[in-house]
C-alpha atoms as a PDB file:
ATOM      1  CA  UNK A   1     346.838 135.623 233.883  1.00  0.00           C
ATOM      2  CA  UNK A   2     350.518 136.526 233.753  1.00  0.00           C
ATOM      3  CA  UNK A   3     352.218 136.484 230.380  1.00  0.00           C
ATOM      4  CA  UNK A   4     355.879 137.024 229.590  1.00  0.00           C
ATOM      5  CA  UNK A   5     356.565 137.807 225.941  1.00  0.00           C
ATOM      6  CA  UNK A   6     360.082 137.354 224.580  1.00  0.00           C
ATOM      7  CA  UNK A   7     359.195 138.051 220.950  1.00  0.00           C
ATOM      8  CA  UNK A   8     360.768 140.699 218.819  1.00  0.00           C
ATOM      9  CA  UNK A   9     359.169 139.805 215.501  1.00  0.00           C
ATOM     10  CA  UNK A  10     355.731 138.267 214.930  1.00  0.00           C
ATOM     11  CA  UNK A  11     355.806 137.714 211.197  1.00  0.00           C
ATOM     12  CA  UNK A  12     357.562 135.553 208.642  1.00  0.00           C
ATOM     13  CA  UNK A  13     359.514 132.635 210.014  1.00  0.00           C
ATOM     14  CA  UNK A  14     360.742 134.264 213.220  1.00  0.00           C
ATOM     15  CA  UNK A  15     359.797 132.474 216.449  1.00  0.00           C
ATOM     16  CA  UNK A  16     357.781 134.055 219.213  1.00  0.00           C
ATOM     17  CA  UNK A  17     357.883 132.718 222.759  1.00  0.00           C
ATOM     18  CA  UNK A  18     355.312 133.279 225.490  1.00  0.00           C
ATOM     19  CA  UNK A  19     355.573 132.164 229.096  1.00  0.00           C
ATOM     20  CA  UNK A  20     352.139 131.813 230.637  1.00  0.00           C
ATOM     21  CA  UNK A  21     350.478 130.212 233.618  1.00  0.00           C
ATOM     22  CA  UNK A  22     348.145 127.376 232.703  1.00  0.00           C
ATOM     23  CA  UNK A  23     346.473 125.283 235.408  1.00  0.00           C
ATOM     24  CA  UNK A  24     348.597 127.253 237.849  1.00  0.00           C
ATOM     25  CA  UNK A  25     351.954 126.142 236.401  1.00  0.00           C
ATOM     26  CA  UNK A  26     354.545 127.786 234.187  1.00  0.00           C
ATOM     27  CA  UNK A  27     354.145 126.915 230.512  1.00  0.00           C
ATOM     28  CA  UNK A  28     356.234 127.881 227.501  1.00  0.00           C
ATOM     29  CA  UNK A  29     354.558 128.328 224.123  1.00  0.00           C
ATOM     30  CA  UNK A  30     356.748 128.489 221.019  1.00  0.00           C
ATOM     31  CA  UNK A  31     354.920 130.078 218.089  1.00  0.00           C
ATOM     32  CA  UNK A  32     355.631 130.447 214.400  1.00  0.00           C
ATOM     33  CA  UNK A  33     353.145 132.653 212.600  1.00  0.00           C
ATOM     34  CA  UNK A  34     350.422 134.678 214.332  1.00  0.00           C
ATOM     35  CA  UNK A  35     350.881 135.060 218.064  1.00  0.00           C
ATOM     36  CA  UNK A  36     347.162 135.473 218.756  1.00  0.00           C
ATOM     37  CA  UNK A  37     344.400 133.561 217.025  1.00  0.00           C
ATOM     38  CA  UNK A  38     341.052 134.883 215.866  1.00  0.00           C
ATOM     39  CA  UNK A  39     338.136 133.434 213.938  1.00  0.00           C
ATOM     40  CA  UNK A  40     339.928 134.055 210.642  1.00  0.00           C
ATOM     41  CA  UNK A  41     342.542 131.451 211.481  1.00  0.00           C
ATOM     42  CA  UNK A  42     341.049 128.271 210.091  1.00  0.00           C
ATOM     43  CA  UNK A  43     343.797 125.835 211.073  1.00  0.00           C
ATOM     44  CA  UNK A  44     346.327 125.607 213.907  1.00  0.00           C
ATOM     45  CA  UNK A  45     349.161 123.097 213.926  1.00  0.00           C
ATOM     46  CA  UNK A  46     349.794 122.257 217.582  1.00  0.00           C
ATOM     47  CA  UNK A  47     352.775 120.171 218.683  1.00  0.00           C
ATOM     48  CA  UNK A  48     352.459 118.164 221.903  1.00  0.00           C
ATOM     49  CA  UNK A  49     355.988 117.169 222.919  1.00  0.00           C
ATOM     50  CA  UNK A  50     357.420 114.042 224.434  1.00  0.00           C
ATOM     51  CA  UNK A  51     359.053 113.932 227.839  1.00  0.00           C
ATOM     52  CA  UNK A  52     360.907 116.136 228.649  1.00  0.00           C
ATOM     53  CA  UNK A  53     358.286 118.464 227.218  1.00  0.00           C
ATOM     54  CA  UNK A  54     360.680 121.235 226.227  1.00  0.00           C
ATOM     55  CA  UNK A  55     359.393 123.131 223.190  1.00  0.00           C
ATOM     56  CA  UNK A  56     362.848 124.410 222.235  1.00  0.00           C
ATOM     57  CA  UNK A  57     363.763 120.874 221.175  1.00  0.00           C
ATOM     58  CA  UNK A  58     361.237 121.198 218.333  1.00  0.00           C
ATOM     59  CA  UNK A  59     362.451 124.502 216.875  1.00  0.00           C
ATOM     60  CA  UNK A  60     363.763 123.048 213.603  1.00  0.00           C
ATOM     61  CA  UNK A  61     360.741 120.763 213.244  1.00  0.00           C
ATOM     62  CA  UNK A  62     358.257 123.617 213.758  1.00  0.00           C
ATOM     63  CA  UNK A  63     360.181 126.044 211.575  1.00  0.00           C
ATOM     64  CA  UNK A  64     360.198 123.531 208.719  1.00  0.00           C
ATOM     65  CA  UNK A  65     356.455 122.838 209.004  1.00  0.00           C
ATOM     66  CA  UNK A  66     355.707 126.556 208.946  1.00  0.00           C
ATOM     67  CA  UNK A  67     357.928 127.154 205.931  1.00  0.00           C
ATOM     68  CA  UNK A  68     356.640 124.214 203.894  1.00  0.00           C
ATOM     69  CA  UNK A  69     353.065 125.415 204.232  1.00  0.00           C
ATOM     70  CA  UNK A  70     354.114 128.799 202.872  1.00  0.00           C
ATOM     71  CA  UNK A  71     353.858 130.528 206.272  1.00  0.00           C
ATOM     72  CA  UNK A  72     350.056 130.405 205.878  1.00  0.00           C
ATOM     73  CA  UNK A  73     349.151 128.583 209.084  1.00  0.00           C
ATOM     74  CA  UNK A  74     350.270 129.125 212.670  1.00  0.00           C
ATOM     75  CA  UNK A  75     352.415 126.344 214.093  1.00  0.00           C
ATOM     76  CA  UNK A  76     352.637 126.302 217.886  1.00  0.00           C
ATOM     77  CA  UNK A  77     354.193 124.014 220.461  1.00  0.00           C
ATOM     78  CA  UNK A  78     353.031 124.004 224.072  1.00  0.00           C
ATOM     79  CA  UNK A  79     355.388 122.725 226.730  1.00  0.00           C
ATOM     80  CA  UNK A  80     354.382 120.379 229.480  1.00  0.00           C
ATOM     81  CA  UNK A  81     353.558 122.160 232.708  1.00  0.00           C
ATOM     82  CA  UNK A  82     356.731 122.851 234.654  1.00  0.00           C
ATOM     83  CA  UNK A  83     359.118 121.667 231.931  1.00  0.00           C
ATOM     84  CA  UNK A  84     360.583 125.116 231.291  1.00  0.00           C
ATOM     85  CA  UNK A  85     362.665 127.614 233.210  1.00  0.00           C
ATOM     86  CA  UNK A  86     360.477 130.567 234.261  1.00  0.00           C
ATOM     87  CA  UNK A  87     361.680 134.038 233.345  1.00  0.00           C
ATOM     88  CA  UNK A  88     362.942 136.098 236.276  1.00  0.00           C
ATOM     89  CA  UNK A  89     359.576 137.803 236.703  1.00  0.00           C
ATOM     90  CA  UNK A  90     357.673 134.509 237.150  1.00  0.00           C
ATOM     91  CA  UNK A  91     357.732 131.460 239.404  1.00  0.00           C
ATOM     92  CA  UNK A  92     357.389 127.769 238.571  1.00  0.00           C
ATOM     93  CA  UNK A  93     353.895 127.770 240.095  1.00  0.00           C
ATOM     94  CA  UNK A  94     351.436 130.654 240.244  1.00  0.00           C
ATOM     95  CA  UNK A  95     348.771 128.920 242.331  1.00  0.00           C
ATOM     96  CA  UNK A  96     350.237 126.131 244.451  1.00  0.00           C
ATOM     97  CA  UNK A  97     346.859 124.814 245.622  1.00  0.00           C
ATOM     98  CA  UNK A  98     345.557 124.601 242.051  1.00  0.00           C
ATOM     99  CA  UNK A  99     348.711 122.843 240.860  1.00  0.00           C
ATOM    100  CA  UNK A 100     348.613 120.328 243.710  1.00  0.00           C
ATOM    101  CA  UNK A 101     344.878 119.687 243.448  1.00  0.00           C
ATOM    102  CA  UNK A 102     345.115 118.945 239.748  1.00  0.00           C
ATOM    103  CA  UNK A 103     348.472 117.153 240.042  1.00  0.00           C
ATOM    104  CA  UNK A 104     349.430 119.320 237.087  1.00  0.00           C
ATOM    105  CA  UNK A 105     352.941 117.841 236.803  1.00  0.00           C
ATOM    106  CA  UNK A 106     351.527 114.295 236.626  1.00  0.00           C
ATOM    107  CA  UNK A 107     350.378 112.536 233.467  1.00  0.00           C
ATOM    108  CA  UNK A 108     346.649 113.144 233.946  1.00  0.00           C
ATOM    109  CA  UNK A 109     347.342 116.740 234.920  1.00  0.00           C
ATOM    110  CA  UNK A 110     349.345 117.256 231.733  1.00  0.00           C
ATOM    111  CA  UNK A 111     346.384 116.075 229.643  1.00  0.00           C
ATOM    112  CA  UNK A 112     344.062 118.516 231.409  1.00  0.00           C
ATOM    113  CA  UNK A 113     346.735 121.191 231.043  1.00  0.00           C
ATOM    114  CA  UNK A 114     346.626 120.881 227.227  1.00  0.00           C
ATOM    115  CA  UNK A 115     342.826 120.983 227.140  1.00  0.00           C
ATOM    116  CA  UNK A 116     342.853 124.067 229.383  1.00  0.00           C
ATOM    117  CA  UNK A 117     345.379 125.714 227.057  1.00  0.00           C
ATOM    118  CA  UNK A 118     343.111 125.133 224.061  1.00  0.00           C
ATOM    119  CA  UNK A 119     340.076 126.497 225.872  1.00  0.00           C
ATOM    120  CA  UNK A 120     341.938 129.644 226.864  1.00  0.00           C
ATOM    121  CA  UNK A 121     344.001 130.417 223.778  1.00  0.00           C
ATOM    122  CA  UNK A 122     342.434 128.792 220.699  1.00  0.00           C
ATOM    123  CA  UNK A 123     339.029 129.750 219.272  1.00  0.00           C
ATOM    124  CA  UNK A 124     336.641 126.846 219.367  1.00  0.00           C
ATOM    125  CA  UNK A 125     335.982 127.132 215.629  1.00  0.00           C
ATOM    126  CA  UNK A 126     339.680 126.773 214.744  1.00  0.00           C
ATOM    127  CA  UNK A 127     340.451 123.353 213.301  1.00  0.00           C
ATOM    128  CA  UNK A 128     343.447 121.506 214.716  1.00  0.00           C
ATOM    129  CA  UNK A 129     346.235 119.440 213.264  1.00  0.00           C
ATOM    130  CA  UNK A 130     347.740 117.828 216.345  1.00  0.00           C
ATOM    131  CA  UNK A 131     351.271 116.473 216.174  1.00  0.00           C
ATOM    132  CA  UNK A 132     352.358 114.314 219.064  1.00  0.00           C
ATOM    133  CA  UNK A 133     355.759 112.876 219.847  1.00  0.00           C
ATOM    134  CA  UNK A 134     356.251 109.922 222.169  1.00  0.00           C
ATOM    135  CA  UNK A 135     354.054 110.454 225.281  1.00  0.00           C
ATOM    136  CA  UNK A 136     352.530 113.425 223.429  1.00  0.00           C
ATOM    137  CA  UNK A 137     350.672 110.833 221.362  1.00  0.00           C
ATOM    138  CA  UNK A 138     349.100 109.335 224.477  1.00  0.00           C
ATOM    139  CA  UNK A 139     348.116 112.844 225.572  1.00  0.00           C
ATOM    140  CA  UNK A 140     346.487 113.532 222.196  1.00  0.00           C
ATOM    141  CA  UNK A 141     344.417 110.340 222.343  1.00  0.00           C
ATOM    142  CA  UNK A 142     343.270 111.324 225.830  1.00  0.00           C
ATOM    143  CA  UNK A 143     342.424 114.854 224.673  1.00  0.00           C
ATOM    144  CA  UNK A 144     340.301 113.523 221.816  1.00  0.00           C
ATOM    145  CA  UNK A 145     338.546 111.111 224.173  1.00  0.00           C
ATOM    146  CA  UNK A 146     337.855 113.682 226.899  1.00  0.00           C
ATOM    147  CA  UNK A 147     336.723 116.406 224.495  1.00  0.00           C
ATOM    148  CA  UNK A 148     335.190 114.693 221.446  1.00  0.00           C
ATOM    149  CA  UNK A 149     334.011 118.065 220.120  1.00  0.00           C
ATOM    150  CA  UNK A 150     337.559 119.216 219.410  1.00  0.00           C
ATOM    151  CA  UNK A 151     337.809 120.051 215.716  1.00  0.00           C
ATOM    152  CA  UNK A 152     340.703 117.724 214.976  1.00  0.00           C
ATOM    153  CA  UNK A 153     341.436 117.358 211.263  1.00  0.00           C
ATOM    154  CA  UNK A 154     344.431 115.086 211.714  1.00  0.00           C
ATOM    155  CA  UNK A 155     346.509 113.748 214.592  1.00  0.00           C
ATOM    156  CA  UNK A 156     350.050 112.752 213.704  1.00  0.00           C
ATOM    157  CA  UNK A 157     351.537 110.219 216.114  1.00  0.00           C
ATOM    158  CA  UNK A 158     355.339 110.197 215.914  1.00  0.00           C
ATOM    159  CA  UNK A 159     357.063 107.317 217.723  1.00  0.00           C
ATOM    160  CA  UNK A 160     353.939 106.800 219.858  1.00  0.00           C
ATOM    161  CA  UNK A 161     354.331 105.571 223.428  1.00  0.00           C
ATOM    162  CA  UNK A 162     350.674 104.689 223.896  1.00  0.00           C
ATOM    163  CA  UNK A 163     350.948 101.240 225.474  1.00  0.00           C
ATOM    164  CA  UNK A 164     353.051  98.922 227.637  1.00  0.00           C
ATOM    165  CA  UNK A 165     355.713 101.518 228.371  1.00  0.00           C
ATOM    166  CA  UNK A 166     357.167  99.718 231.378  1.00  0.00           C
ATOM    167  CA  UNK A 167     357.402  96.488 229.349  1.00  0.00           C
ATOM    168  CA  UNK A 168     359.360  98.083 226.507  1.00  0.00           C
ATOM    169  CA  UNK A 169     363.146  97.551 226.439  1.00  0.00           C
ATOM    170  CA  UNK A 170     363.798 101.131 227.549  1.00  0.00           C
ATOM    171  CA  UNK A 171     360.950 100.995 230.045  1.00  0.00           C
ATOM    172  CA  UNK A 172     362.497  97.993 231.782  1.00  0.00           C
ATOM    173  CA  UNK A 173     365.677 100.013 232.270  1.00  0.00           C
ATOM    174  CA  UNK A 174     364.019 103.274 233.311  1.00  0.00           C
ATOM    175  CA  UNK A 175     361.130 102.047 235.476  1.00  0.00           C
ATOM    176  CA  UNK A 176     363.217 101.226 238.571  1.00  0.00           C
ATOM    177  CA  UNK A 177     364.883 104.643 238.470  1.00  0.00           C
ATOM    178  CA  UNK A 178     361.745 106.653 237.699  1.00  0.00           C
ATOM    179  CA  UNK A 179     359.430 104.795 240.051  1.00  0.00           C
ATOM    180  CA  UNK A 180     361.648 103.680 242.926  1.00  0.00           C
ATOM    181  CA  UNK A 181     364.883 105.695 242.849  1.00  0.00           C
ATOM    182  CA  UNK A 182     363.702 109.033 241.510  1.00  0.00           C
ATOM    183  CA  UNK A 183     364.873 110.983 244.541  1.00  0.00           C
ATOM    184  CA  UNK A 184     368.348 109.470 244.224  1.00  0.00           C
ATOM    185  CA  UNK A 185     368.489 110.778 240.654  1.00  0.00           C
ATOM    186  CA  UNK A 186     367.694 114.279 241.892  1.00  0.00           C
ATOM    187  CA  UNK A 187     371.142 114.621 243.476  1.00  0.00           C
ATOM    188  CA  UNK A 188     373.226 114.582 240.260  1.00  0.00           C
ATOM    189  CA  UNK A 189     370.647 116.831 238.588  1.00  0.00           C
ATOM    190  CA  UNK A 190     370.908 119.271 241.481  1.00  0.00           C
ATOM    191  CA  UNK A 191     374.699 119.246 241.268  1.00  0.00           C
ATOM    192  CA  UNK A 192     374.578 119.856 237.514  1.00  0.00           C
ATOM    193  CA  UNK A 193     372.188 122.753 238.073  1.00  0.00           C
ATOM    194  CA  UNK A 194     374.888 124.527 240.080  1.00  0.00           C
ATOM    195  CA  UNK A 195     377.261 124.660 237.106  1.00  0.00           C
ATOM    196  CA  UNK A 196     377.468 127.797 234.960  1.00  0.00           C
ATOM    197  CA  UNK A 197     375.469 127.584 231.729  1.00  0.00           C
ATOM    198  CA  UNK A 198     378.618 127.715 229.606  1.00  0.00           C
ATOM    199  CA  UNK A 199     379.957 124.589 231.283  1.00  0.00           C
ATOM    200  CA  UNK A 200     376.572 122.859 231.025  1.00  0.00           C
ATOM    201  CA  UNK A 201     376.583 123.627 227.297  1.00  0.00           C
ATOM    202  CA  UNK A 202     380.062 122.157 226.868  1.00  0.00           C
ATOM    203  CA  UNK A 203     379.079 119.002 228.766  1.00  0.00           C
ATOM    204  CA  UNK A 204     375.945 118.562 226.653  1.00  0.00           C
ATOM    205  CA  UNK A 205     377.930 118.899 223.443  1.00  0.00           C
ATOM    206  CA  UNK A 206     380.430 116.358 224.757  1.00  0.00           C
ATOM    207  CA  UNK A 207     377.728 113.839 225.715  1.00  0.00           C
ATOM    208  CA  UNK A 208     376.038 114.230 222.326  1.00  0.00           C
ATOM    209  CA  UNK A 209     379.244 114.368 220.304  1.00  0.00           C
ATOM    210  CA  UNK A 210     378.565 110.923 218.863  1.00  0.00           C
ATOM    211  CA  UNK A 211     375.593 112.288 216.910  1.00  0.00           C
ATOM    212  CA  UNK A 212     377.170 113.371 213.621  1.00  0.00           C
ATOM    213  CA  UNK A 213     374.466 115.793 212.524  1.00  0.00           C
ATOM    214  CA  UNK A 214     373.415 117.121 215.907  1.00  0.00           C
ATOM    215  CA  UNK A 215     370.952 120.002 215.601  1.00  0.00           C
ATOM    216  CA  UNK A 216     372.635 122.925 217.398  1.00  0.00           C
ATOM    217  CA  UNK A 217     369.255 124.390 218.394  1.00  0.00           C
ATOM    218  CA  UNK A 218     368.722 121.656 220.983  1.00  0.00           C
ATOM    219  CA  UNK A 219     371.743 122.594 223.113  1.00  0.00           C
ATOM    220  CA  UNK A 220     370.296 125.674 224.827  1.00  0.00           C
ATOM    221  CA  UNK A 221     366.943 124.028 225.697  1.00  0.00           C
ATOM    222  CA  UNK A 222     368.906 121.153 227.237  1.00  0.00           C
ATOM    223  CA  UNK A 223     370.841 123.642 229.365  1.00  0.00           C
ATOM    224  CA  UNK A 224     367.484 124.926 230.642  1.00  0.00           C
ATOM    225  CA  UNK A 225     366.356 121.404 231.422  1.00  0.00           C
ATOM    226  CA  UNK A 226     369.324 121.027 233.767  1.00  0.00           C
ATOM    227  CA  UNK A 227     368.043 123.840 235.961  1.00  0.00           C
ATOM    228  CA  UNK A 228     366.866 121.257 238.493  1.00  0.00           C
ATOM    229  CA  UNK A 229     363.120 121.781 238.873  1.00  0.00           C
ATOM    230  CA  UNK A 230     362.432 121.106 235.179  1.00  0.00           C
ATOM    231  CA  UNK A 231     364.259 117.783 235.247  1.00  0.00           C
ATOM    232  CA  UNK A 232     362.547 116.821 238.516  1.00  0.00           C
ATOM    233  CA  UNK A 233     359.117 117.523 237.008  1.00  0.00           C
ATOM    234  CA  UNK A 234     360.020 115.505 233.913  1.00  0.00           C
ATOM    235  CA  UNK A 235     361.115 112.542 236.050  1.00  0.00           C
ATOM    236  CA  UNK A 236     357.938 112.743 238.137  1.00  0.00           C
ATOM    237  CA  UNK A 237     355.838 112.632 234.973  1.00  0.00           C
ATOM    238  CA  UNK A 238     357.988 109.771 233.630  1.00  0.00           C
ATOM    239  CA  UNK A 239     357.334 107.686 236.707  1.00  0.00           C
ATOM    240  CA  UNK A 240     353.596 108.058 236.186  1.00  0.00           C
ATOM    241  CA  UNK A 241     353.977 107.092 232.524  1.00  0.00           C
ATOM    242  CA  UNK A 242     355.533 103.776 233.561  1.00  0.00           C
ATOM    243  CA  UNK A 243     352.630 103.084 235.937  1.00  0.00           C
ATOM    244  CA  UNK A 244     349.714 104.375 233.847  1.00  0.00           C
ATOM    245  CA  UNK A 245     350.485 103.789 230.168  1.00  0.00           C
ATOM    246  CA  UNK A 246     349.499 100.133 230.111  1.00  0.00           C
ATOM    247  CA  UNK A 247     346.993  98.866 227.564  1.00  0.00           C
ATOM    248  CA  UNK A 248     346.494 100.602 224.241  1.00  0.00           C
ATOM    249  CA  UNK A 249     343.189 102.513 224.127  1.00  0.00           C
ATOM    250  CA  UNK A 250     341.642 100.720 221.155  1.00  0.00           C
ATOM    251  CA  UNK A 251     338.275 102.381 221.698  1.00  0.00           C
ATOM    252  CA  UNK A 252     339.712 105.880 221.272  1.00  0.00           C
ATOM    253  CA  UNK A 253     341.739 104.755 218.259  1.00  0.00           C
ATOM    254  CA  UNK A 254     338.749 103.090 216.598  1.00  0.00           C
ATOM    255  CA  UNK A 255     336.585 106.162 217.103  1.00  0.00           C
ATOM    256  CA  UNK A 256     339.174 108.472 215.518  1.00  0.00           C
ATOM    257  CA  UNK A 257     340.939 106.085 213.158  1.00  0.00           C
ATOM    258  CA  UNK A 258     340.388 108.132 209.999  1.00  0.00           C
ATOM    259  CA  UNK A 259     342.071 111.136 211.637  1.00  0.00           C
ATOM    260  CA  UNK A 260     345.141 109.285 212.924  1.00  0.00           C
ATOM    261  CA  UNK A 261     348.519 108.686 211.318  1.00  0.00           C
ATOM    262  CA  UNK A 262     350.933 106.517 213.311  1.00  0.00           C
ATOM    263  CA  UNK A 263     354.673 106.435 212.652  1.00  0.00           C
ATOM    264  CA  UNK A 264     356.724 103.784 214.434  1.00  0.00           C
ATOM    265  CA  UNK A 265     360.506 103.542 214.625  1.00  0.00           C
ATOM    266  CA  UNK A 266     362.259 100.489 213.212  1.00  0.00           C
ATOM    267  CA  UNK A 267     364.663 100.367 216.179  1.00  0.00           C
ATOM    268  CA  UNK A 268     362.752 102.203 218.903  1.00  0.00           C
ATOM    269  CA  UNK A 269     363.378 100.927 222.425  1.00  0.00           C
ATOM    270  CA  UNK A 270     360.295 102.757 223.759  1.00  0.00           C
ATOM    271  CA  UNK A 271     357.827 101.313 221.250  1.00  0.00           C
ATOM    272  CA  UNK A 272     359.431  98.283 219.587  1.00  0.00           C
ATOM    273  CA  UNK A 273     358.480  96.894 216.183  1.00  0.00           C
ATOM    274  CA  UNK A 274     356.283  94.305 217.906  1.00  0.00           C
ATOM    275  CA  UNK A 275     353.997  97.131 219.023  1.00  0.00           C
ATOM    276  CA  UNK A 276     353.772  98.304 215.400  1.00  0.00           C
ATOM    277  CA  UNK A 277     352.910  94.791 214.247  1.00  0.00           C
ATOM    278  CA  UNK A 278     350.264  94.419 216.948  1.00  0.00           C
ATOM    279  CA  UNK A 279     348.461  97.687 216.175  1.00  0.00           C
ATOM    280  CA  UNK A 280     348.735  97.005 212.447  1.00  0.00           C
ATOM    281  CA  UNK A 281     347.016  93.664 212.990  1.00  0.00           C
ATOM    282  CA  UNK A 282     344.289  95.187 215.159  1.00  0.00           C
ATOM    283  CA  UNK A 283     343.683  98.099 212.770  1.00  0.00           C
ATOM    284  CA  UNK A 284     344.523  96.806 209.270  1.00  0.00           C
ATOM    285  CA  UNK A 285     342.800  99.798 207.630  1.00  0.00           C
ATOM    286  CA  UNK A 286     344.572 102.403 209.740  1.00  0.00           C
ATOM    287  CA  UNK A 287     347.322 104.663 208.431  1.00  0.00           C
ATOM    288  CA  UNK A 288     350.138 103.024 210.390  1.00  0.00           C
ATOM    289  CA  UNK A 289     353.678 103.388 209.099  1.00  0.00           C
ATOM    290  CA  UNK A 290     357.035 101.878 209.986  1.00  0.00           C
ATOM    291  CA  UNK A 291     360.120 104.072 209.642  1.00  0.00           C
ATOM    292  CA  UNK A 292     362.395 103.214 206.717  1.00  0.00           C
ATOM    293  CA  UNK A 293     364.777 106.117 207.248  1.00  0.00           C
ATOM    294  CA  UNK A 294     366.605 105.095 210.389  1.00  0.00           C
ATOM    295  CA  UNK A 295     365.212 107.972 212.470  1.00  0.00           C
ATOM    296  CA  UNK A 296     365.760 107.666 216.215  1.00  0.00           C
ATOM    297  CA  UNK A 297     362.993 108.003 218.812  1.00  0.00           C
ATOM    298  CA  UNK A 298     364.439 111.387 219.818  1.00  0.00           C
ATOM    299  CA  UNK A 299     364.324 112.555 216.194  1.00  0.00           C
ATOM    300  CA  UNK A 300     364.697 116.201 217.220  1.00  0.00           C
ATOM    301  CA  UNK A 301     368.377 115.582 217.926  1.00  0.00           C
ATOM    302  CA  UNK A 302     369.311 115.266 214.271  1.00  0.00           C
ATOM    303  CA  UNK A 303     366.280 114.848 211.990  1.00  0.00           C
ATOM    304  CA  UNK A 304     363.748 117.550 212.870  1.00  0.00           C
ATOM    305  CA  UNK A 305     363.732 118.932 209.331  1.00  0.00           C
ATOM    306  CA  UNK A 306     363.454 115.533 207.656  1.00  0.00           C
ATOM    307  CA  UNK A 307     360.588 114.371 209.862  1.00  0.00           C
ATOM    308  CA  UNK A 308     358.719 117.657 209.304  1.00  0.00           C
ATOM    309  CA  UNK A 309     359.095 117.286 205.524  1.00  0.00           C
ATOM    310  CA  UNK A 310     357.695 113.768 205.780  1.00  0.00           C
ATOM    311  CA  UNK A 311     354.708 114.935 207.856  1.00  0.00           C
ATOM    312  CA  UNK A 312     353.899 117.627 205.285  1.00  0.00           C
ATOM    313  CA  UNK A 313     353.867 115.052 202.496  1.00  0.00           C
ATOM    314  CA  UNK A 314     351.456 112.858 204.445  1.00  0.00           C
ATOM    315  CA  UNK A 315     349.050 115.710 205.001  1.00  0.00           C
ATOM    316  CA  UNK A 316     349.252 117.040 201.470  1.00  0.00           C
ATOM    317  CA  UNK A 317     348.280 113.613 200.235  1.00  0.00           C
ATOM    318  CA  UNK A 318     344.960 113.817 202.046  1.00  0.00           C
ATOM    319  CA  UNK A 319     342.290 115.262 199.734  1.00  0.00           C
ATOM    320  CA  UNK A 320     340.292 116.626 202.661  1.00  0.00           C
ATOM    321  CA  UNK A 321     343.061 119.127 203.321  1.00  0.00           C
ATOM    322  CA  UNK A 322     342.949 120.792 199.926  1.00  0.00           C
ATOM    323  CA  UNK A 323     340.356 123.262 201.177  1.00  0.00           C
ATOM    324  CA  UNK A 324     342.748 124.525 203.821  1.00  0.00           C
ATOM    325  CA  UNK A 325     345.984 124.503 201.833  1.00  0.00           C
END
């Protein structure tokens, strides 16, 4: 297995980035805390991103989680397969036949990709706190269903797109483009990819200038996303989300209800308040929250620290976690 290590420092609150091949596709892993796990590591916080699955978007969120737990537990984020720019020494795909056979860039392939990552890089005895964002929540539910022996302590579902995606207000807008006109959308992405990174950065800042407290750490990962292949892989995955994320998996939720915390946005066009009300009615005893802070679906743009602080408070309030913290 090829690994590219861009870390300088492994300790404290300095990030460490690995580029690896998983299921034959390039994968970026952003790590705070230990870079390798052994049996002495009791708990791993693992972030499963939304789409685009770019781990750099979550830098502030991960850094805050790591700090608030006193740097005691590793906090990692694993990108979606093919949602990162490979370093010069690596390609987007290591094994083309493996990637195609497993449809690794598709939604099902991304679920298997995360399970393969855990098998390869996380000791089986390590307990997991899974944190999903958007489609990452769907992936987590699928992971727990496909591998019920995973030692999941808690699964935090932030702005969960786990049902009726194409019927949501944003889904109605995006479905035609992602499912029927995806190749047309490739042209502007390709043209943007030809621009120098400095100009891409300026354009991104201009487009996002309306966000008053924009997190500056998200600019460079967005530049990488405009490389062309990354955006194409994200759009391909998005098209499958519209077609496959249909009915909520109540069986998986019921089986794991005591481990799940759901957090819905009050003005989220991907999972509207009606979805919150429906799941709240179906699972009245579940830990299902509605945002009162005005956070946007893409909270990483301006509220990564605040959302991380909120997540820590939820977990600290659970008596079963006292042993670990």
